[in-house]
Amino acid sequence: MADTYKCPVCGMEVTPETAGGKSEYKGHTYYFCSKADKDTFDQNPEKYISQEQKTAG
């Protein structure tokens, strides 16, 4: 079973194989359901990172 990740913009679950894109930010990799969500995240990543992710490392 493939690892799943939550798109930080819309909350949809994606796998690295089905992701519409990915971004690196502050040492973490984020996967997105679409290129549009990736572009939205890249413009203002702090808006989409949950408090848990901000303090996780």
C-alpha atoms as a PDB file:
ATOM      1  CA  MET A   1       0.000   0.000   0.000  1.00  0.00           C
ATOM      2  CA  ALA A   2       1.351   3.396  -0.999  1.00  0.00           C
ATOM      3  CA  ASP A   3       1.863   6.182   1.519  1.00  0.00           C
ATOM      4  CA  THR A   4      -0.804   8.856   1.322  1.00  0.00           C
ATOM      5  CA  TYR A   5      -0.415  12.539   2.059  1.00  0.00           C
ATOM      6  CA  LYS A   6      -2.957  15.294   2.516  1.00  0.00           C
ATOM      7  CA  CYS A   7      -2.824  18.160   0.052  1.00  0.00           C
ATOM      8  CA  PRO A   8      -2.193  21.151   2.339  1.00  0.00           C
ATOM      9  CA  VAL A   9      -4.381  23.421   0.223  1.00  0.00           C
ATOM     10  CA  CYS A  10      -7.598  21.396  -0.191  1.00  0.00           C
ATOM     11  CA  GLY A  11      -7.138  18.399   2.116  1.00  0.00           C
ATOM     12  CA  MET A  12      -7.505  15.758  -0.591  1.00  0.00           C
ATOM     13  CA  GLU A  13      -5.446  12.608  -0.029  1.00  0.00           C
ATOM     14  CA  VAL A  14      -2.812  11.878  -2.669  1.00  0.00           C
ATOM     15  CA  THR A  15       0.099   9.516  -3.161  1.00  0.00           C
ATOM     16  CA  PRO A  16       3.456  10.581  -4.570  1.00  0.00           C
ATOM     17  CA  GLU A  17       2.582   8.625  -7.726  1.00  0.00           C
ATOM     18  CA  THR A  18      -0.751  10.396  -8.277  1.00  0.00           C
ATOM     19  CA  ALA A  19       0.225  13.860  -7.020  1.00  0.00           C
ATOM     20  CA  GLY A  20      -0.220  16.824  -9.322  1.00  0.00           C
ATOM     21  CA  GLY A  21       3.008  18.259  -7.956  1.00  0.00           C
ATOM     22  CA  LYS A  22       5.252  18.549  -4.940  1.00  0.00           C
ATOM     23  CA  SER A  23       7.133  21.306  -3.181  1.00  0.00           C
ATOM     24  CA  GLU A  24       9.950  21.387  -0.662  1.00  0.00           C
ATOM     25  CA  TYR A  25       9.542  23.893   2.160  1.00  0.00           C
ATOM     26  CA  LYS A  26      11.631  24.171   5.318  1.00  0.00           C
ATOM     27  CA  GLY A  27      12.956  20.638   4.942  1.00  0.00           C
ATOM     28  CA  HIS A  28       9.570  19.002   4.327  1.00  0.00           C
ATOM     29  CA  THR A  29       8.056  17.653   1.114  1.00  0.00           C
ATOM     30  CA  TYR A  30       4.423  18.518   0.417  1.00  0.00           C
ATOM     31  CA  TYR A  31       2.317  16.726  -2.212  1.00  0.00           C
ATOM     32  CA  PHE A  32      -0.613  18.294  -4.049  1.00  0.00           C
ATOM     33  CA  CYS A  33      -3.675  17.024  -5.875  1.00  0.00           C
ATOM     34  CA  SER A  34      -3.155  19.508  -8.713  1.00  0.00           C
ATOM     35  CA  LYS A  35      -0.664  21.950 -10.162  1.00  0.00           C
ATOM     36  CA  ALA A  36      -3.051  24.779  -9.262  1.00  0.00           C
ATOM     37  CA  ASP A  37      -2.901  23.831  -5.570  1.00  0.00           C
ATOM     38  CA  LYS A  38       0.895  23.551  -5.759  1.00  0.00           C
ATOM     39  CA  ASP A  39       1.096  27.044  -7.270  1.00  0.00           C
ATOM     40  CA  THR A  40      -1.244  28.407  -4.573  1.00  0.00           C
ATOM     41  CA  PHE A  41       0.894  26.855  -1.829  1.00  0.00           C
ATOM     42  CA  ASP A  42       4.136  28.136  -3.369  1.00  0.00           C
ATOM     43  CA  GLN A  43       2.825  31.723  -3.250  1.00  0.00           C
ATOM     44  CA  ASN A  44       2.217  31.608   0.528  1.00  0.00           C
ATOM     45  CA  PRO A  45       3.257  28.304   2.168  1.00  0.00           C
ATOM     46  CA  GLU A  46       2.874  29.538   5.752  1.00  0.00           C
ATOM     47  CA  LYS A  47      -0.864  29.998   5.160  1.00  0.00           C
ATOM     48  CA  TYR A  48      -1.302  26.279   4.440  1.00  0.00           C
ATOM     49  CA  ILE A  49       1.017  24.593   6.920  1.00  0.00           C
ATOM     50  CA  SER A  50      -0.853  23.303   9.933  1.00  0.00           C
ATOM     51  CA  GLN A  51       0.357  24.249  13.394  1.00  0.00           C
ATOM     52  CA  GLU A  52       1.448  20.636  13.910  1.00  0.00           C
ATOM     53  CA  GLN A  53       3.676  20.744  10.831  1.00  0.00           C
ATOM     54  CA  LYS A  54       5.152  24.111  11.859  1.00  0.00           C
ATOM     55  CA  THR A  55       6.309  22.709  15.208  1.00  0.00           C
ATOM     56  CA  ALA A  56       7.283  19.211  14.000  1.00  0.00           C
ATOM     57  CA  GLY A  57      10.804  20.030  13.108  1.00  0.00           C
END
